[in-house]
């Protein structure tokens, strides 16, 4: 399952990085507009979600959109 939030008003910051842009060139309609959904939560809720463990053993808690 994947949960994505998109802001179609402007490309996201990571889309301006050459490696990201090349890697996701085939899905730029969505990847270039994805945002960190945690940023849309209150500070307390954001902290609670950030304290949860990563969902898998590969990506863990890494994200192109959330810092």
N, C-alpha and C. Protein backbone atom coordinates (compact mmCIF):
# COMPACT_ATOMS: atom_id res chain seq x y z
N UNK A 1 0.84 -1.17 0.00
CA UNK A 1 0.00 0.00 0.00
C UNK A 1 0.89 1.24 0.00
N UNK A 2 0.46 2.23 -0.70
CA UNK A 2 1.20 3.48 -0.77
C UNK A 2 0.22 4.62 -0.52
N UNK A 3 0.65 5.57 0.27
CA UNK A 3 -0.16 6.76 0.53
C UNK A 3 0.62 7.95 0.01
N UNK A 4 0.09 8.64 -0.96
CA UNK A 4 0.80 9.78 -1.52
C UNK A 4 -0.04 11.04 -1.46
N UNK A 5 0.62 12.16 -1.24
CA UNK A 5 -0.02 13.47 -1.26
C UNK A 5 0.73 14.31 -2.28
N UNK A 6 -0.02 15.02 -3.10
CA UNK A 6 0.56 15.77 -4.20
C UNK A 6 0.08 17.21 -4.17
N UNK A 7 0.98 18.12 -4.51
CA UNK A 7 0.65 19.54 -4.63
C UNK A 7 0.99 19.93 -6.07
N UNK A 8 -0.04 20.01 -6.89
CA UNK A 8 0.16 20.23 -8.32
C UNK A 8 0.42 21.69 -8.68
N UNK A 9 0.52 22.55 -7.69
CA UNK A 9 0.75 23.97 -7.96
C UNK A 9 2.18 24.26 -8.41
N UNK A 10 3.14 23.45 -7.96
CA UNK A 10 4.55 23.67 -8.33
C UNK A 10 5.34 22.39 -8.07
N UNK A 11 6.40 22.15 -8.86
CA UNK A 11 7.24 20.97 -8.62
C UNK A 11 7.90 21.05 -7.24
N UNK A 12 8.14 19.89 -6.65
CA UNK A 12 8.79 19.83 -5.34
C UNK A 12 10.29 20.10 -5.45
N UNK A 13 10.92 20.31 -4.32
CA UNK A 13 12.35 20.65 -4.29
C UNK A 13 13.23 19.54 -4.85
N UNK A 14 12.92 18.30 -4.52
CA UNK A 14 13.78 17.19 -4.95
C UNK A 14 13.75 17.00 -6.46
N UNK A 15 12.69 17.43 -7.13
CA UNK A 15 12.60 17.27 -8.59
C UNK A 15 13.65 18.09 -9.33
N UNK A 16 14.25 19.05 -8.66
CA UNK A 16 15.28 19.88 -9.28
C UNK A 16 16.67 19.24 -9.20
N UNK A 17 16.78 18.12 -8.47
CA UNK A 17 18.05 17.41 -8.38
C UNK A 17 18.20 16.50 -9.60
N UNK A 18 19.30 16.58 -10.27
CA UNK A 18 19.51 15.86 -11.52
C UNK A 18 19.31 14.35 -11.37
N UNK A 19 19.88 13.76 -10.33
CA UNK A 19 19.77 12.30 -10.17
C UNK A 19 18.32 11.87 -9.96
N UNK A 20 17.58 12.62 -9.15
CA UNK A 20 16.17 12.30 -8.93
C UNK A 20 15.39 12.47 -10.22
N UNK A 21 15.60 13.57 -10.92
CA UNK A 21 14.87 13.85 -12.16
C UNK A 21 15.12 12.76 -13.20
N UNK A 22 16.34 12.30 -13.32
CA UNK A 22 16.65 11.24 -14.28
C UNK A 22 16.04 9.91 -13.86
N UNK A 23 16.13 9.60 -12.58
CA UNK A 23 15.61 8.33 -12.07
C UNK A 23 14.09 8.23 -12.22
N UNK A 24 13.39 9.36 -12.10
CA UNK A 24 11.93 9.35 -12.12
C UNK A 24 11.35 10.06 -13.35
N UNK A 25 12.13 10.14 -14.42
CA UNK A 25 11.68 10.83 -15.63
C UNK A 25 10.40 10.21 -16.20
N UNK A 26 10.22 8.91 -16.02
CA UNK A 26 9.03 8.24 -16.57
C UNK A 26 7.78 8.44 -15.71
N UNK A 27 7.93 9.01 -14.52
CA UNK A 27 6.77 9.24 -13.65
C UNK A 27 6.74 10.66 -13.11
N UNK A 28 7.30 11.59 -13.88
CA UNK A 28 7.42 12.96 -13.38
C UNK A 28 6.07 13.64 -13.15
N UNK A 29 5.01 13.17 -13.80
CA UNK A 29 3.70 13.78 -13.59
C UNK A 29 3.27 13.67 -12.13
N UNK A 30 3.75 12.65 -11.44
CA UNK A 30 3.40 12.47 -10.03
C UNK A 30 4.61 12.69 -9.12
N UNK A 31 5.73 12.08 -9.43
CA UNK A 31 6.92 12.15 -8.56
C UNK A 31 7.41 13.58 -8.36
N UNK A 32 7.27 14.42 -9.36
CA UNK A 32 7.77 15.79 -9.26
C UNK A 32 6.84 16.68 -8.43
N UNK A 33 5.66 16.16 -8.07
CA UNK A 33 4.68 16.96 -7.32
C UNK A 33 4.31 16.34 -5.97
N UNK A 34 4.95 15.24 -5.63
CA UNK A 34 4.70 14.60 -4.33
C UNK A 34 5.24 15.48 -3.21
N UNK A 35 4.55 15.46 -2.09
CA UNK A 35 4.99 16.23 -0.92
C UNK A 35 5.02 15.31 0.29
N UNK A 36 5.69 15.73 1.31
CA UNK A 36 5.74 14.98 2.56
C UNK A 36 4.41 15.21 3.30
N UNK A 37 3.60 14.18 3.38
CA UNK A 37 2.29 14.34 4.01
C UNK A 37 2.41 14.66 5.49
N UNK A 38 3.55 14.35 6.11
CA UNK A 38 3.74 14.68 7.52
C UNK A 38 3.76 16.19 7.74
N UNK A 39 4.18 16.93 6.73
CA UNK A 39 4.24 18.38 6.85
C UNK A 39 2.85 19.03 6.93
N UNK A 40 1.82 18.28 6.62
CA UNK A 40 0.45 18.80 6.64
C UNK A 40 -0.24 18.50 7.96
N UNK A 41 0.48 17.90 8.90
CA UNK A 41 -0.08 17.56 10.22
C UNK A 41 0.35 18.58 11.26
N UNK A 42 -0.32 18.53 12.40
CA UNK A 42 0.10 19.38 13.52
C UNK A 42 1.46 18.90 14.01
N UNK A 43 2.15 19.73 14.76
CA UNK A 43 3.48 19.38 15.26
C UNK A 43 3.45 18.12 16.11
N UNK A 44 2.45 17.99 16.98
CA UNK A 44 2.35 16.81 17.84
C UNK A 44 2.12 15.54 17.03
N UNK A 45 1.21 15.61 16.06
CA UNK A 45 0.93 14.44 15.24
C UNK A 45 2.12 14.07 14.37
N UNK A 46 2.80 15.06 13.84
CA UNK A 46 3.98 14.81 13.02
C UNK A 46 5.05 14.08 13.84
N UNK A 47 5.27 14.52 15.05
CA UNK A 47 6.26 13.88 15.92
C UNK A 47 5.87 12.43 16.20
N UNK A 48 4.61 12.16 16.47
CA UNK A 48 4.15 10.79 16.74
C UNK A 48 4.44 9.87 15.55
N UNK A 49 4.13 10.34 14.35
CA UNK A 49 4.37 9.51 13.16
C UNK A 49 5.86 9.32 12.90
N UNK A 50 6.67 10.34 13.14
CA UNK A 50 8.10 10.22 12.91
C UNK A 50 8.76 9.24 13.89
N UNK A 51 8.14 9.03 15.05
CA UNK A 51 8.69 8.10 16.03
C UNK A 51 8.36 6.64 15.72
N UNK A 52 7.44 6.40 14.80
CA UNK A 52 7.10 5.03 14.43
C UNK A 52 8.27 4.39 13.68
N UNK A 53 8.41 3.07 13.77
CA UNK A 53 9.49 2.40 13.05
C UNK A 53 9.24 2.41 11.54
N UNK A 54 10.31 2.23 10.77
CA UNK A 54 10.18 2.14 9.32
C UNK A 54 9.37 0.92 8.92
N UNK A 55 8.75 0.98 7.76
CA UNK A 55 7.82 -0.08 7.34
C UNK A 55 8.50 -1.32 6.78
N UNK A 56 9.70 -1.19 6.28
CA UNK A 56 10.36 -2.35 5.70
C UNK A 56 11.85 -2.35 6.00
N UNK A 57 12.51 -3.41 5.62
CA UNK A 57 13.94 -3.54 5.89
C UNK A 57 14.82 -2.96 4.80
N UNK A 58 14.21 -2.38 3.77
CA UNK A 58 14.99 -1.84 2.66
C UNK A 58 15.06 -0.32 2.74
N UNK A 59 13.93 0.33 2.60
CA UNK A 59 13.89 1.80 2.62
C UNK A 59 13.92 2.35 4.03
N UNK A 60 13.39 1.58 4.97
CA UNK A 60 13.37 2.05 6.35
C UNK A 60 12.61 3.35 6.49
N UNK A 61 13.27 4.36 6.99
CA UNK A 61 12.63 5.65 7.18
C UNK A 61 13.15 6.71 6.21
N UNK A 62 13.79 6.26 5.13
CA UNK A 62 14.29 7.22 4.14
C UNK A 62 13.16 7.65 3.22
N UNK A 63 13.24 8.87 2.76
CA UNK A 63 12.21 9.42 1.88
C UNK A 63 12.82 10.51 1.00
N UNK A 64 12.34 10.58 -0.22
CA UNK A 64 12.77 11.66 -1.11
C UNK A 64 12.05 12.97 -0.75
N UNK A 65 10.96 12.87 -0.02
CA UNK A 65 10.11 14.03 0.23
C UNK A 65 10.10 14.50 1.68
N UNK A 66 10.30 13.60 2.62
CA UNK A 66 10.27 13.97 4.05
C UNK A 66 11.69 14.03 4.59
N UNK A 67 11.98 15.07 5.32
CA UNK A 67 13.32 15.24 5.89
C UNK A 67 13.25 15.32 7.39
